[in-house]
Amino acid sequence: MQKHNLVHIVDDEEAVRLATAFLLEAGGLTVRLWKSGSAFLDAAPRAEPGCVLLDVRMAQVDGLTVQQRLVELQLNFPIIMFTGHGDIASAVRAMRAGAVSFLEKPAERETLLEAVAEGLRRLDDGNSSDSRAQHARRLIAKLSEREREVLGGLTRGLPNKYIAYDLDISPRTVEIHRANLMSKLGVRSLSDALKIAFAAEFGKQAFVTRAT
C-alpha cells in the first residue's frame, strides 16, 4: 500500500505558511504551499493526494468554502482546519463536513503532527470509514442520557449557557457533563469530540430528535 507523506498548506499569510512548513518538514513530511484558497482549488483536481492544512479566514475564498467545493468536486483530501479565530460554529460546520480536526493558531507541534498523521492515515486506508463509524458508536454508547444531550447541543454549535437553558440545568452542570463526556470519549478538545459524534452520525440524530 502506498504511504502518503504530503501536506498542502493553504494560508494567505506567508509567515504562517513558512513557519508551519518548517515544523512539518522537520517532522519528515513533504509540503506544498498555496497562497490562497482559489489557487489551491484551481490546482486541486490535478494535485498530488495529501492532507490539507486549511486556514479558515482568507480573503476572497475562505477555508470553509474551499472545503465545501472540495466535497462538491468529490476530491478526497483529508482536511485540518487551522485558524487564529476559532469559534464553535465554524468548528461544527467544518467537522460536520468531514474535517479531520480543527486547530487554533498557534498549534502545539505535537498536536499539529498528530492531526496531520491522522489525515494521512485516512488517505492510506480509504475504506476505514466504516470501522471509524463503528468505533465512534461504541464510544457514544458509553455516555449517559444527559451526557448525550449535552453532546447533542455541542453538535448544533451551541455554547454552554444555551445548552443549559435548553436542558433547564445550570451552566456549571453543563461544564461537568461536558468534562465527563470528553473523558469517556477519550478526547481533550471539542473538535475531537465532534469528530466522534459526526462519525457516528450522532449530530444528525440529535438534531432530528430535537426538531420533532
Protein backbone atom coordinates (compact mmCIF):
# COMPACT_ATOMS: atom_id res chain seq x y z
CA MET A 1 0.00 0.00 0.00
CA GLN A 2 1.26 3.46 -0.87
CA LYS A 3 2.08 5.61 2.15
CA HIS A 4 1.21 9.26 1.68
CA ASN A 5 3.52 11.89 3.08
CA LEU A 6 2.37 15.18 1.52
CA VAL A 7 0.73 18.13 3.26
CA HIS A 8 -0.83 21.00 1.32
CA ILE A 9 -0.68 24.22 3.38
CA VAL A 10 -3.33 26.70 2.24
CA ASP A 11 -2.94 30.05 4.02
CA ASP A 12 -2.85 33.63 2.77
CA GLU A 13 -0.25 34.70 5.34
CA GLU A 14 3.24 33.96 4.07
CA ALA A 15 4.81 33.96 7.55
CA VAL A 16 2.32 31.34 8.73
CA ARG A 17 2.89 29.20 5.62
CA LEU A 18 6.64 29.21 6.07
CA ALA A 19 6.60 28.63 9.83
CA THR A 20 4.14 25.75 9.52
CA ALA A 21 6.11 24.24 6.64
CA PHE A 22 9.25 24.32 8.77
CA LEU A 23 7.52 22.39 11.58
CA LEU A 24 6.12 19.76 9.23
CA GLU A 25 9.31 19.30 7.23
CA ALA A 26 11.24 18.89 10.49
CA GLY A 27 8.81 16.06 11.21
CA GLY A 28 9.79 14.31 7.97
CA LEU A 29 6.81 15.42 5.87
CA THR A 30 6.72 16.83 2.35
CA VAL A 31 4.99 20.18 1.97
CA ARG A 32 3.34 22.16 -0.83
CA LEU A 33 2.46 25.82 -0.21
CA TRP A 34 -0.61 27.65 -1.55
CA LYS A 35 -1.13 31.38 -1.01
CA SER A 36 -4.91 31.38 -1.42
CA GLY A 37 -7.96 29.15 -1.39
CA SER A 38 -8.66 29.87 -5.04
CA ALA A 39 -5.10 28.90 -6.05
CA PHE A 40 -5.49 25.54 -4.35
CA LEU A 41 -8.95 24.92 -5.80
CA ASP A 42 -7.66 25.62 -9.32
CA ALA A 43 -4.94 23.01 -8.88
CA ALA A 44 -6.79 20.51 -6.67
CA PRO A 45 -8.19 18.24 -9.43
CA ARG A 46 -4.61 17.57 -10.61
CA ALA A 47 -2.81 17.90 -7.28
CA GLU A 48 -0.96 15.01 -5.67
CA PRO A 49 -3.03 13.39 -2.89
CA GLY A 50 -2.21 14.65 0.55
CA CYS A 51 -3.57 16.07 3.77
CA VAL A 52 -4.72 19.71 3.56
CA LEU A 53 -3.95 22.21 6.32
CA LEU A 54 -6.54 24.86 5.52
CA ASP A 55 -6.81 28.34 7.03
CA VAL A 56 -10.40 29.31 7.83
CA ARG A 57 -10.19 33.05 7.32
CA MET A 58 -8.72 34.03 3.96
CA ALA A 59 -9.51 36.85 1.56
CA GLN A 60 -11.86 36.12 -1.36
CA VAL A 61 -12.34 32.38 -0.77
CA ASP A 62 -12.35 31.29 2.88
CA GLY A 63 -11.41 27.87 4.18
CA LEU A 64 -14.95 26.65 4.81
CA THR A 65 -15.85 27.50 1.21
CA VAL A 66 -12.77 25.65 -0.05
CA GLN A 67 -13.81 22.62 2.00
CA GLN A 68 -17.33 22.75 0.55
CA ARG A 69 -16.01 22.97 -3.01
CA LEU A 70 -13.68 20.00 -2.49
CA VAL A 71 -16.64 17.95 -1.26
CA GLU A 72 -18.69 19.01 -4.28
CA LEU A 73 -15.82 18.03 -6.58
CA GLN A 74 -15.59 14.67 -4.77
CA LEU A 75 -11.90 15.21 -4.07
CA ASN A 76 -10.85 13.10 -1.12
CA PHE A 77 -8.41 15.41 0.66
CA PRO A 78 -8.42 14.93 4.45
CA ILE A 79 -8.74 18.46 5.83
CA ILE A 80 -7.42 20.03 9.01
CA MET A 81 -8.92 23.45 9.65
CA PHE A 82 -6.40 25.94 11.01
CA THR A 83 -7.42 29.31 12.41
CA GLY A 84 -6.42 32.12 14.70
CA HIS A 85 -10.06 32.96 15.30
CA GLY A 86 -11.68 29.68 16.26
CA ASP A 87 -15.33 29.57 17.23
CA ILE A 88 -17.82 26.82 17.93
CA ALA A 89 -19.98 27.48 14.85
CA SER A 90 -17.00 27.22 12.48
CA ALA A 91 -15.76 24.08 14.21
CA VAL A 92 -19.17 22.42 13.95
CA ARG A 93 -19.54 23.29 10.28
CA ALA A 94 -16.04 22.04 9.46
CA MET A 95 -16.38 18.81 11.42
CA ARG A 96 -19.86 18.09 10.07
CA ALA A 97 -18.40 18.38 6.56
CA GLY A 98 -15.78 15.76 7.43
CA ALA A 99 -12.72 17.70 8.63
CA VAL A 100 -10.12 15.60 10.45
CA SER A 101 -9.60 18.25 13.09
CA PHE A 102 -9.99 21.93 13.91
CA LEU A 103 -6.88 23.58 15.36
CA GLU A 104 -6.31 27.09 16.67
CA LYS A 105 -3.14 29.00 15.83
CA PRO A 106 -0.54 28.64 17.05
CA ALA A 107 -1.00 24.88 17.42
CA GLU A 108 1.47 22.94 19.52
CA ARG A 109 3.92 20.97 17.38
CA GLU A 110 2.82 17.56 18.64
CA THR A 111 -0.87 18.42 18.27
CA LEU A 112 -0.30 19.52 14.69
CA LEU A 113 1.75 16.45 13.80
CA GLU A 114 -0.82 14.11 15.37
CA ALA A 115 -3.64 15.71 13.36
CA VAL A 116 -1.66 15.50 10.12
CA ALA A 117 -0.74 11.88 10.83
CA GLU A 118 -4.41 11.01 11.22
CA GLY A 119 -5.25 12.76 7.96
CA LEU A 120 -2.55 10.84 6.12
CA ARG A 121 -3.78 7.57 7.62
CA ARG A 122 -7.18 8.27 6.13
CA LEU A 123 -5.55 8.56 2.72
CA ASP A 124 -3.63 5.34 3.24
CA ASP A 125 -6.81 3.46 4.16
CA GLY A 126 -9.68 4.76 2.06
CA ASN A 127 -12.02 2.04 3.35
CA SER A 128 -11.65 2.88 7.03
CA SER A 129 -14.82 4.99 7.37
CA ASP A 130 -16.97 2.02 8.38
CA SER A 131 -14.61 0.97 11.13
CA ARG A 132 -14.34 4.57 12.36
CA ALA A 133 -18.13 4.79 12.50
CA GLN A 134 -18.42 1.55 14.45
CA HIS A 135 -15.76 2.65 16.92
CA ALA A 136 -17.46 6.05 17.31
CA ARG A 137 -20.82 4.45 18.01
CA ARG A 138 -19.27 2.24 20.69
CA LEU A 139 -17.83 5.32 22.38
CA ILE A 140 -21.13 7.22 22.22
CA ALA A 141 -22.88 4.24 23.82
CA LYS A 142 -20.77 4.78 26.96
CA LEU A 143 -22.39 8.17 27.60
CA SER A 144 -25.27 8.75 29.98
CA GLU A 145 -28.52 10.16 28.63
CA ARG A 146 -27.69 13.63 29.96
CA GLU A 147 -24.18 13.50 28.51
CA ARG A 148 -25.65 12.61 25.12
CA GLU A 149 -28.00 15.59 25.40
CA VAL A 150 -25.08 17.90 26.11
CA LEU A 151 -23.12 16.41 23.22
CA GLY A 152 -26.17 16.95 21.02
CA GLY A 153 -26.10 20.63 21.91
CA LEU A 154 -22.41 20.84 21.04
CA THR A 155 -23.03 19.27 17.63
CA ARG A 156 -25.51 22.09 16.98
CA GLY A 157 -22.84 24.70 17.75
CA LEU A 158 -24.43 25.85 21.00
CA PRO A 159 -22.34 27.38 23.80
CA ASN A 160 -22.72 26.00 27.32
CA LYS A 161 -25.18 28.64 28.51
CA TYR A 162 -27.63 27.88 25.68
CA ILE A 163 -27.35 24.14 26.29
CA ALA A 164 -28.06 24.83 29.96
CA TYR A 165 -31.17 26.83 29.05
CA ASP A 166 -32.45 24.12 26.70
CA LEU A 167 -31.95 21.37 29.30
CA ASP A 168 -33.10 23.52 32.26
CA ILE A 169 -29.87 22.99 34.17
CA SER A 170 -27.08 25.33 35.26
CA PRO A 171 -24.11 26.22 33.04
CA ARG A 172 -21.85 24.71 35.70
CA THR A 173 -23.70 21.39 35.42
CA VAL A 174 -23.23 21.52 31.65
CA GLU A 175 -19.49 22.04 32.17
CA ILE A 176 -19.39 18.96 34.42
CA HIS A 177 -21.28 16.80 31.90
CA ARG A 178 -19.07 18.14 29.10
CA ALA A 179 -15.92 17.22 31.02
CA ASN A 180 -17.31 13.77 31.80
CA LEU A 181 -18.34 13.00 28.22
CA MET A 182 -14.96 14.10 26.88
CA SER A 183 -13.27 11.82 29.40
CA LYS A 184 -15.44 8.88 28.35
CA LEU A 185 -14.76 9.60 24.68
CA GLY A 186 -11.04 9.82 25.40
CA VAL A 187 -10.60 13.28 23.87
CA ARG A 188 -9.12 16.58 25.00
CA SER A 189 -10.67 19.04 22.55
CA LEU A 190 -14.09 20.00 21.24
CA SER A 191 -13.07 19.20 17.66
CA ASP A 192 -12.14 15.64 18.64
CA ALA A 193 -15.48 15.17 20.42
CA LEU A 194 -17.33 16.49 17.36
CA LYS A 195 -15.31 14.18 15.11
CA ILE A 196 -16.54 11.16 17.06
CA ALA A 197 -20.11 12.43 17.15
CA PHE A 198 -20.29 13.02 13.41
CA ALA A 199 -18.51 9.77 12.58
CA ALA A 200 -21.30 8.01 14.48
CA GLU A 201 -23.88 10.27 12.75
CA PHE A 202 -24.86 11.33 16.24
CA GLY A 203 -25.12 15.01 15.32
CA LYS A 204 -27.72 14.28 12.66
CA GLN A 205 -29.72 12.06 15.02
CA ALA A 206 -29.57 14.58 17.85
CA PHE A 207 -30.75 17.38 15.58
CA VAL A 208 -33.67 15.37 14.20
CA THR A 209 -34.72 14.28 17.69
CA ARG A 210 -34.66 17.87 18.92
CA ALA A 211 -36.68 19.11 15.95
CA THR A 212 -39.53 16.60 16.33
